[in-house]
Amino acid sequence: QDGNAELSRESLHAGGEVDRIAHGG
């Protein structure tokens, strides 16, 4: 239900993946 994500490389975070997931609720 929570659908949390774990990212582990700075290149992923800075590349917009956090934004994509966060905006997905």
mmCIF file of all heavy atoms, coordinates in Angstrom:
data_MODEL
# 
_entry.id   MODEL 
# 
loop_
_atom_site.group_PDB 
_atom_site.id 
_atom_site.type_symbol 
_atom_site.label_atom_id 
_atom_site.label_alt_id 
_atom_site.label_comp_id 
_atom_site.label_asym_id 
_atom_site.label_entity_id 
_atom_site.label_seq_id 
_atom_site.pdbx_PDB_ins_code 
_atom_site.Cartn_x 
_atom_site.Cartn_y 
_atom_site.Cartn_z 
_atom_site.occupancy 
_atom_site.B_iso_or_equiv 
_atom_site.pdbx_formal_charge 
_atom_site.auth_seq_id 
_atom_site.auth_comp_id 
_atom_site.auth_asym_id 
_atom_site.auth_atom_id 
_atom_site.pdbx_PDB_model_num 
ATOM 1   N N   . GLN A 1 1  ? 0.812  -1.200 0.000   1.00 0.00 ? 1  GLN A N   1 
ATOM 2   C CA  . GLN A 1 1  ? 0.000  0.000  0.000   1.00 0.00 ? 1  GLN A CA  1 
ATOM 3   C C   . GLN A 1 1  ? 0.858  1.267  0.000   1.00 0.00 ? 1  GLN A C   1 
ATOM 4   O O   . GLN A 1 1  ? 0.521  2.262  -0.639  1.00 0.00 ? 1  GLN A O   1 
ATOM 5   C CB  . GLN A 1 1  ? -0.929 0.009  1.217   1.00 0.00 ? 1  GLN A CB  1 
ATOM 6   C CG  . GLN A 1 1  ? -1.856 1.222  1.258   1.00 0.00 ? 1  GLN A CG  1 
ATOM 7   C CD  . GLN A 1 1  ? -2.815 1.145  2.420   1.00 0.00 ? 1  GLN A CD  1 
ATOM 8   O OE1 . GLN A 1 1  ? -2.799 0.187  3.191   1.00 0.00 ? 1  GLN A OE1 1 
ATOM 9   N NE2 . GLN A 1 1  ? -3.660 2.150  2.546   1.00 0.00 ? 1  GLN A NE2 1 
ATOM 10  N N   . ASP A 1 2  ? 1.965  1.253  0.733   1.00 0.00 ? 2  ASP A N   1 
ATOM 11  C CA  . ASP A 1 2  ? 2.798  2.446  0.821   1.00 0.00 ? 2  ASP A CA  1 
ATOM 12  C C   . ASP A 1 2  ? 3.631  2.663  -0.444  1.00 0.00 ? 2  ASP A C   1 
ATOM 13  O O   . ASP A 1 2  ? 3.908  3.802  -0.817  1.00 0.00 ? 2  ASP A O   1 
ATOM 14  C CB  . ASP A 1 2  ? 3.738  2.359  2.026   1.00 0.00 ? 2  ASP A CB  1 
ATOM 15  C CG  . ASP A 1 2  ? 2.968  2.382  3.337   1.00 0.00 ? 2  ASP A CG  1 
ATOM 16  O OD1 . ASP A 1 2  ? 2.003  3.148  3.430   1.00 0.00 ? 2  ASP A OD1 1 
ATOM 17  O OD2 . ASP A 1 2  ? 3.336  1.617  4.236   1.00 0.00 ? 2  ASP A OD2 1 
ATOM 18  N N   . GLY A 1 3  ? 4.081  1.582  -1.070  1.00 0.00 ? 3  GLY A N   1 
ATOM 19  C CA  . GLY A 1 3  ? 4.825  1.709  -2.307  1.00 0.00 ? 3  GLY A CA  1 
ATOM 20  C C   . GLY A 1 3  ? 6.112  2.497  -2.187  1.00 0.00 ? 3  GLY A C   1 
ATOM 21  O O   . GLY A 1 3  ? 6.435  3.288  -3.057  1.00 0.00 ? 3  GLY A O   1 
ATOM 22  N N   . ASN A 1 4  ? 6.840  2.311  -1.097  1.00 0.00 ? 4  ASN A N   1 
ATOM 23  C CA  . ASN A 1 4  ? 8.093  3.056  -0.921  1.00 0.00 ? 4  ASN A CA  1 
ATOM 24  C C   . ASN A 1 4  ? 9.163  2.574  -1.883  1.00 0.00 ? 4  ASN A C   1 
ATOM 25  O O   . ASN A 1 4  ? 9.144  1.443  -2.343  1.00 0.00 ? 4  ASN A O   1 
ATOM 26  C CB  . ASN A 1 4  ? 8.607  2.897  0.515   1.00 0.00 ? 4  ASN A CB  1 
ATOM 27  C CG  . ASN A 1 4  ? 7.706  3.563  1.512   1.00 0.00 ? 4  ASN A CG  1 
ATOM 28  O OD1 . ASN A 1 4  ? 6.495  3.423  1.459   1.00 0.00 ? 4  ASN A OD1 1 
ATOM 29  N ND2 . ASN A 1 4  ? 8.288  4.297  2.429   1.00 0.00 ? 4  ASN A ND2 1 
ATOM 30  N N   . ALA A 1 5  ? 10.128 3.453  -2.173  1.00 0.00 ? 5  ALA A N   1 
ATOM 31  C CA  . ALA A 1 5  ? 11.228 3.109  -3.070  1.00 0.00 ? 5  ALA A CA  1 
ATOM 32  C C   . ALA A 1 5  ? 12.544 3.384  -2.378  1.00 0.00 ? 5  ALA A C   1 
ATOM 33  O O   . ALA A 1 5  ? 12.674 4.351  -1.640  1.00 0.00 ? 5  ALA A O   1 
ATOM 34  C CB  . ALA A 1 5  ? 11.144 3.924  -4.354  1.00 0.00 ? 5  ALA A CB  1 
ATOM 35  N N   . GLU A 1 6  ? 13.525 2.544  -2.640  1.00 0.00 ? 6  GLU A N   1 
ATOM 36  C CA  . GLU A 1 6  ? 14.879 2.768  -2.118  1.00 0.00 ? 6  GLU A CA  1 
ATOM 37  C C   . GLU A 1 6  ? 15.803 3.027  -3.290  1.00 0.00 ? 6  GLU A C   1 
ATOM 38  O O   . GLU A 1 6  ? 15.910 2.216  -4.205  1.00 0.00 ? 6  GLU A O   1 
ATOM 39  C CB  . GLU A 1 6  ? 15.372 1.552  -1.331  1.00 0.00 ? 6  GLU A CB  1 
ATOM 40  C CG  . GLU A 1 6  ? 16.778 1.743  -0.809  1.00 0.00 ? 6  GLU A CG  1 
ATOM 41  C CD  . GLU A 1 6  ? 17.245 0.562  0.007   1.00 0.00 ? 6  GLU A CD  1 
ATOM 42  O OE1 . GLU A 1 6  ? 16.531 -0.429 0.076   1.00 0.00 ? 6  GLU A OE1 1 
ATOM 43  O OE2 . GLU A 1 6  ? 18.346 0.652  0.571   1.00 0.00 ? 6  GLU A OE2 1 
ATOM 44  N N   . LEU A 1 7  ? 16.486 4.181  -3.271  1.00 0.00 ? 7  LEU A N   1 
ATOM 45  C CA  . LEU A 1 7  ? 17.460 4.529  -4.296  1.00 0.00 ? 7  LEU A CA  1 
ATOM 46  C C   . LEU A 1 7  ? 18.815 4.628  -3.637  1.00 0.00 ? 7  LEU A C   1 
ATOM 47  O O   . LEU A 1 7  ? 18.934 5.095  -2.516  1.00 0.00 ? 7  LEU A O   1 
ATOM 48  C CB  . LEU A 1 7  ? 17.083 5.871  -4.942  1.00 0.00 ? 7  LEU A CB  1 
ATOM 49  C CG  . LEU A 1 7  ? 15.648 5.953  -5.470  1.00 0.00 ? 7  LEU A CG  1 
ATOM 50  C CD1 . LEU A 1 7  ? 15.379 7.343  -6.014  1.00 0.00 ? 7  LEU A CD1 1 
ATOM 51  C CD2 . LEU A 1 7  ? 15.404 4.908  -6.533  1.00 0.00 ? 7  LEU A CD2 1 
ATOM 52  N N   . SER A 1 8  ? 19.868 4.221  -4.347  1.00 0.00 ? 8  SER A N   1 
ATOM 53  C CA  . SER A 1 8  ? 21.145 4.115  -3.653  1.00 0.00 ? 8  SER A CA  1 
ATOM 54  C C   . SER A 1 8  ? 22.306 4.811  -4.339  1.00 0.00 ? 8  SER A C   1 
ATOM 55  O O   . SER A 1 8  ? 23.407 4.799  -3.826  1.00 0.00 ? 8  SER A O   1 
ATOM 56  C CB  . SER A 1 8  ? 21.515 2.637  -3.454  1.00 0.00 ? 8  SER A CB  1 
ATOM 57  O OG  . SER A 1 8  ? 21.574 1.977  -4.697  1.00 0.00 ? 8  SER A OG  1 
ATOM 58  N N   . ARG A 1 9  ? 22.094 5.422  -5.492  1.00 0.00 ? 9  ARG A N   1 
ATOM 59  C CA  . ARG A 1 9  ? 23.188 6.135  -6.142  1.00 0.00 ? 9  ARG A CA  1 
ATOM 60  C C   . ARG A 1 9  ? 22.797 7.585  -6.345  1.00 0.00 ? 9  ARG A C   1 
ATOM 61  O O   . ARG A 1 9  ? 21.702 7.899  -6.780  1.00 0.00 ? 9  ARG A O   1 
ATOM 62  C CB  . ARG A 1 9  ? 23.556 5.509  -7.485  1.00 0.00 ? 9  ARG A CB  1 
ATOM 63  C CG  . ARG A 1 9  ? 24.399 4.267  -7.366  1.00 0.00 ? 9  ARG A CG  1 
ATOM 64  C CD  . ARG A 1 9  ? 24.822 3.784  -8.747  1.00 0.00 ? 9  ARG A CD  1 
ATOM 65  N NE  . ARG A 1 9  ? 25.570 4.784  -9.484  1.00 0.00 ? 9  ARG A NE  1 
ATOM 66  C CZ  . ARG A 1 9  ? 26.891 4.906  -9.444  1.00 0.00 ? 9  ARG A CZ  1 
ATOM 67  N NH1 . ARG A 1 9  ? 27.599 4.123  -8.673  1.00 0.00 ? 9  ARG A NH1 1 
ATOM 68  N NH2 . ARG A 1 9  ? 27.504 5.831  -10.154 1.00 0.00 ? 9  ARG A NH2 1 
ATOM 69  N N   . GLU A 1 10 ? 23.722 8.471  -6.085  1.00 0.00 ? 10 GLU A N   1 
ATOM 70  C CA  . GLU A 1 10 ? 23.448 9.899  -6.225  1.00 0.00 ? 10 GLU A CA  1 
ATOM 71  C C   . GLU A 1 10 ? 22.969 10.236 -7.627  1.00 0.00 ? 10 GLU A C   1 
ATOM 72  O O   . GLU A 1 10 ? 22.108 11.100 -7.804  1.00 0.00 ? 10 GLU A O   1 
ATOM 73  C CB  . GLU A 1 10 ? 24.720 10.692 -5.884  1.00 0.00 ? 10 GLU A CB  1 
ATOM 74  C CG  . GLU A 1 10 ? 24.577 12.196 -5.966  1.00 0.00 ? 10 GLU A CG  1 
ATOM 75  C CD  . GLU A 1 10 ? 24.834 12.719 -7.353  1.00 0.00 ? 10 GLU A CD  1 
ATOM 76  O OE1 . GLU A 1 10 ? 25.574 12.087 -8.106  1.00 0.00 ? 10 GLU A OE1 1 
ATOM 77  O OE2 . GLU A 1 10 ? 24.255 13.780 -7.665  1.00 0.00 ? 10 GLU A OE2 1 
ATOM 78  N N   . SER A 1 11 ? 23.490 9.540  -8.654  1.00 0.00 ? 11 SER A N   1 
ATOM 79  C CA  . SER A 1 11 ? 23.104 9.846  -10.026 1.00 0.00 ? 11 SER A CA  1 
ATOM 80  C C   . SER A 1 11 ? 21.622 9.569  -10.257 1.00 0.00 ? 11 SER A C   1 
ATOM 81  O O   . SER A 1 11 ? 20.981 10.223 -11.071 1.00 0.00 ? 11 SER A O   1 
ATOM 82  C CB  . SER A 1 11 ? 23.940 9.027  -11.010 1.00 0.00 ? 11 SER A CB  1 
ATOM 83  O OG  . SER A 1 11 ? 23.798 7.641  -10.780 1.00 0.00 ? 11 SER A OG  1 
ATOM 84  N N   . LEU A 1 12 ? 21.060 8.598  -9.542  1.00 0.00 ? 12 LEU A N   1 
ATOM 85  C CA  . LEU A 1 12 ? 19.637 8.327  -9.674  1.00 0.00 ? 12 LEU A CA  1 
ATOM 86  C C   . LEU A 1 12 ? 18.821 9.429  -9.032  1.00 0.00 ? 12 LEU A C   1 
ATOM 87  O O   . LEU A 1 12 ? 17.845 9.915  -9.580  1.00 0.00 ? 12 LEU A O   1 
ATOM 88  C CB  . LEU A 1 12 ? 19.285 6.984  -9.016  1.00 0.00 ? 12 LEU A CB  1 
ATOM 89  C CG  . LEU A 1 12 ? 19.938 5.728  -9.579  1.00 0.00 ? 12 LEU A CG  1 
ATOM 90  C CD1 . LEU A 1 12 ? 19.378 4.511  -8.860  1.00 0.00 ? 12 LEU A CD1 1 
ATOM 91  C CD2 . LEU A 1 12 ? 19.699 5.616  -11.071 1.00 0.00 ? 12 LEU A CD2 1 
ATOM 92  N N   . HIS A 1 13 ? 19.222 9.830  -7.819  1.00 0.00 ? 13 HIS A N   1 
ATOM 93  C CA  . HIS A 1 13 ? 18.481 10.869 -7.113  1.00 0.00 ? 13 HIS A CA  1 
ATOM 94  C C   . HIS A 1 13 ? 18.476 12.161 -7.915  1.00 0.00 ? 13 HIS A C   1 
ATOM 95  O O   . HIS A 1 13 ? 17.442 12.768 -8.156  1.00 0.00 ? 13 HIS A O   1 
ATOM 96  C CB  . HIS A 1 13 ? 19.115 11.143 -5.747  1.00 0.00 ? 13 HIS A CB  1 
ATOM 97  C CG  . HIS A 1 13 ? 19.259 9.911  -4.909  1.00 0.00 ? 13 HIS A CG  1 
ATOM 98  N ND1 . HIS A 1 13 ? 18.256 9.003  -4.735  1.00 0.00 ? 13 HIS A ND1 1 
ATOM 99  C CD2 . HIS A 1 13 ? 20.310 9.447  -4.186  1.00 0.00 ? 13 HIS A CD2 1 
ATOM 100 C CE1 . HIS A 1 13 ? 18.675 8.028  -3.946  1.00 0.00 ? 13 HIS A CE1 1 
ATOM 101 N NE2 . HIS A 1 13 ? 19.924 8.269  -3.613  1.00 0.00 ? 13 HIS A NE2 1 
ATOM 102 N N   . ALA A 1 14 ? 19.660 12.584 -8.338  1.00 0.00 ? 14 ALA A N   1 
ATOM 103 C CA  . ALA A 1 14 ? 19.772 13.864 -9.040  1.00 0.00 ? 14 ALA A CA  1 
ATOM 104 C C   . ALA A 1 14 ? 19.114 13.806 -10.411 1.00 0.00 ? 14 ALA A C   1 
ATOM 105 O O   . ALA A 1 14 ? 18.745 14.828 -10.957 1.00 0.00 ? 14 ALA A O   1 
ATOM 106 C CB  . ALA A 1 14 ? 21.252 14.240 -9.185  1.00 0.00 ? 14 ALA A CB  1 
ATOM 107 N N   . GLY A 1 15 ? 18.942 12.601 -10.971 1.00 0.00 ? 15 GLY A N   1 
ATOM 108 C CA  . GLY A 1 15 ? 18.376 12.462 -12.301 1.00 0.00 ? 15 GLY A CA  1 
ATOM 109 C C   . GLY A 1 15 ? 16.871 12.585 -12.358 1.00 0.00 ? 15 GLY A C   1 
ATOM 110 O O   . GLY A 1 15 ? 16.279 12.426 -13.416 1.00 0.00 ? 15 GLY A O   1 
ATOM 111 N N   . GLY A 1 16 ? 16.218 12.825 -11.234 1.00 0.00 ? 16 GLY A N   1 
ATOM 112 C CA  . GLY A 1 16 ? 14.788 13.066 -11.262 1.00 0.00 ? 16 GLY A CA  1 
ATOM 113 C C   . GLY A 1 16 ? 13.937 11.898 -10.815 1.00 0.00 ? 16 GLY A C   1 
ATOM 114 O O   . GLY A 1 16 ? 12.706 11.996 -10.798 1.00 0.00 ? 16 GLY A O   1 
ATOM 115 N N   . GLU A 1 17 ? 14.561 10.769 -10.442 1.00 0.00 ? 17 GLU A N   1 
ATOM 116 C CA  . GLU A 1 17 ? 13.770 9.619  -10.042 1.00 0.00 ? 17 GLU A CA  1 
ATOM 117 C C   . GLU A 1 17 ? 13.006 9.888  -8.741  1.00 0.00 ? 17 GLU A C   1 
ATOM 118 O O   . GLU A 1 17 ? 11.864 9.462  -8.586  1.00 0.00 ? 17 GLU A O   1 
ATOM 119 C CB  . GLU A 1 17 ? 14.656 8.377  -9.882  1.00 0.00 ? 17 GLU A CB  1 
ATOM 120 C CG  . GLU A 1 17 ? 15.356 7.952  -11.159 1.00 0.00 ? 17 GLU A CG  1 
ATOM 121 C CD  . GLU A 1 17 ? 14.393 7.469  -12.229 1.00 0.00 ? 17 GLU A CD  1 
ATOM 122 O OE1 . GLU A 1 17 ? 13.186 7.381  -11.947 1.00 0.00 ? 17 GLU A OE1 1 
ATOM 123 O OE2 . GLU A 1 17 ? 14.844 7.196  -13.349 1.00 0.00 ? 17 GLU A OE2 1 
ATOM 124 N N   . VAL A 1 18 ? 13.631 10.578 -7.799  1.00 0.00 ? 18 VAL A N   1 
ATOM 125 C CA  . VAL A 1 18 ? 12.938 10.911 -6.564  1.00 0.00 ? 18 VAL A CA  1 
ATOM 126 C C   . VAL A 1 18 ? 11.721 11.772 -6.865  1.00 0.00 ? 18 VAL A C   1 
ATOM 127 O O   . VAL A 1 18 ? 10.645 11.578 -6.318  1.00 0.00 ? 18 VAL A O   1 
ATOM 128 C CB  . VAL A 1 18 ? 13.876 11.635 -5.582  1.00 0.00 ? 18 VAL A CB  1 
ATOM 129 C CG1 . VAL A 1 18 ? 13.089 12.231 -4.414  1.00 0.00 ? 18 VAL A CG1 1 
ATOM 130 C CG2 . VAL A 1 18 ? 14.916 10.664 -5.043  1.00 0.00 ? 18 VAL A CG2 1 
ATOM 131 N N   . ASP A 1 19 ? 11.892 12.743 -7.769  1.00 0.00 ? 19 ASP A N   1 
ATOM 132 C CA  . ASP A 1 19 ? 10.785 13.620 -8.155  1.00 0.00 ? 19 ASP A CA  1 
ATOM 133 C C   . ASP A 1 19 ? 9.663  12.808 -8.787  1.00 0.00 ? 19 ASP A C   1 
ATOM 134 O O   . ASP A 1 19 ? 8.484  13.021 -8.509  1.00 0.00 ? 19 ASP A O   1 
ATOM 135 C CB  . ASP A 1 19 ? 11.296 14.685 -9.127  1.00 0.00 ? 19 ASP A CB  1 
ATOM 136 C CG  . ASP A 1 19 ? 10.236 15.706 -9.473  1.00 0.00 ? 19 ASP A CG  1 
ATOM 137 O OD1 . ASP A 1 19 ? 9.684  16.300 -8.535  1.00 0.00 ? 19 ASP A OD1 1 
ATOM 138 O OD2 . ASP A 1 19 ? 9.951  15.896 -10.658 1.00 0.00 ? 19 ASP A OD2 1 
ATOM 139 N N   . ARG A 1 20 ? 10.013 11.851 -9.655  1.00 0.00 ? 20 ARG A N   1 
ATOM 140 C CA  . ARG A 1 20 ? 9.002  11.024 -10.317 1.00 0.00 ? 20 ARG A CA  1 
ATOM 141 C C   . ARG A 1 20 ? 8.191  10.227 -9.302  1.00 0.00 ? 20 ARG A C   1 
ATOM 142 O O   . ARG A 1 20 ? 6.965  10.164 -9.365  1.00 0.00 ? 20 ARG A O   1 
ATOM 143 C CB  . ARG A 1 20 ? 9.684  10.063 -11.307 1.00 0.00 ? 20 ARG A CB  1 
ATOM 144 C CG  . ARG A 1 20 ? 8.709  9.143  -12.040 1.00 0.00 ? 20 ARG A CG  1 
ATOM 145 C CD  . ARG A 1 20 ? 9.467  8.160  -12.912 1.00 0.00 ? 20 ARG A CD  1 
ATOM 146 N NE  . ARG A 1 20 ? 10.203 7.190  -12.134 1.00 0.00 ? 20 ARG A NE  1 
ATOM 147 C CZ  . ARG A 1 20 ? 9.653  6.098  -11.603 1.00 0.00 ? 20 ARG A CZ  1 
ATOM 148 N NH1 . ARG A 1 20 ? 8.368  5.862  -11.735 1.00 0.00 ? 20 ARG A NH1 1 
ATOM 149 N NH2 . ARG A 1 20 ? 10.392 5.244  -10.917 1.00 0.00 ? 20 ARG A NH2 1 
ATOM 150 N N   . ILE A 1 21 ? 8.891  9.622  -8.349  1.00 0.00 ? 21 ILE A N   1 
ATOM 151 C CA  . ILE A 1 21 ? 8.208  8.792  -7.361  1.00 0.00 ? 21 ILE A CA  1 
ATOM 152 C C   . ILE A 1 21 ? 7.381  9.654  -6.412  1.00 0.00 ? 21 ILE A C   1 
ATOM 153 O O   . ILE A 1 21 ? 6.228  9.348  -6.112  1.00 0.00 ? 21 ILE A O   1 
ATOM 154 C CB  . ILE A 1 21 ? 9.228  7.945  -6.578  1.00 0.00 ? 21 ILE A CB  1 
ATOM 155 C CG1 . ILE A 1 21 ? 9.886  6.943  -7.527  1.00 0.00 ? 21 ILE A CG1 1 
ATOM 156 C CG2 . ILE A 1 21 ? 8.566  7.223  -5.414  1.00 0.00 ? 21 ILE A CG2 1 
ATOM 157 C CD1 . ILE A 1 21 ? 11.060 6.222  -6.922  1.00 0.00 ? 21 ILE A CD1 1 
ATOM 158 N N   . ALA A 1 22 ? 7.974  10.758 -5.947  1.00 0.00 ? 22 ALA A N   1 
ATOM 159 C CA  . ALA A 1 22 ? 7.263  11.619 -5.011  1.00 0.00 ? 22 ALA A CA  1 
ATOM 160 C C   . ALA A 1 22 ? 5.990  12.179 -5.626  1.00 0.00 ? 22 ALA A C   1 
ATOM 161 O O   . ALA A 1 22 ? 4.946  12.248 -4.981  1.00 0.00 ? 22 ALA A O   1 
ATOM 162 C CB  . ALA A 1 22 ? 8.173  12.754 -4.552  1.00 0.00 ? 22 ALA A CB  1 
ATOM 163 N N   . HIS A 1 23 ? 6.060  12.581 -6.906  1.00 0.00 ? 23 HIS A N   1 
ATOM 164 C CA  . HIS A 1 23 ? 4.877  13.118 -7.553  1.00 0.00 ? 23 HIS A CA  1 
ATOM 165 C C   . HIS A 1 23 ? 3.863  12.024 -7.861  1.00 0.00 ? 23 HIS A C   1 
ATOM 166 O O   . HIS A 1 23 ? 2.717  12.318 -8.168  1.00 0.00 ? 23 HIS A O   1 
ATOM 167 C CB  . HIS A 1 23 ? 5.261  13.862 -8.834  1.00 0.00 ? 23 HIS A CB  1 
ATOM 168 C CG  . HIS A 1 23 ? 5.750  15.253 -8.580  1.00 0.00 ? 23 HIS A CG  1 
ATOM 169 N ND1 . HIS A 1 23 ? 7.046  15.521 -8.188  1.00 0.00 ? 23 HIS A ND1 1 
ATOM 170 C CD2 . HIS A 1 23 ? 5.115  16.445 -8.626  1.00 0.00 ? 23 HIS A CD2 1 
ATOM 171 C CE1 . HIS A 1 23 ? 7.197  16.822 -8.031  1.00 0.00 ? 23 HIS A CE1 1 
ATOM 172 N NE2 . HIS A 1 23 ? 6.044  17.397 -8.273  1.00 0.00 ? 23 HIS A NE2 1 
ATOM 173 N N   . GLY A 1 24 ? 4.293  10.772 -7.790  1.00 0.00 ? 24 GLY A N   1 
ATOM 174 C CA  . GLY A 1 24 ? 3.358  9.666  -7.942  1.00 0.00 ? 24 GLY A CA  1 
ATOM 175 C C   . GLY A 1 24 ? 2.619  9.350  -6.660  1.00 0.00 ? 24 GLY A C   1 
ATOM 176 O O   . GLY A 1 24 ? 1.848  8.395  -6.598  1.00 0.00 ? 24 GLY A O   1 
ATOM 177 N N   . GLY A 1 25 ? 2.860  10.127 -5.603  1.00 0.00 ? 25 GLY A N   1 
ATOM 178 C CA  . GLY A 1 25 ? 2.146  9.941  -4.348  1.00 0.00 ? 25 GLY A CA  1 
ATOM 179 C C   . GLY A 1 25 ? 2.747  8.891  -3.444  1.00 0.00 ? 25 GLY A C   1 
ATOM 180 O O   . GLY A 1 25 ? 2.116  8.489  -2.462  1.00 0.00 ? 25 GLY A O   1 
# 
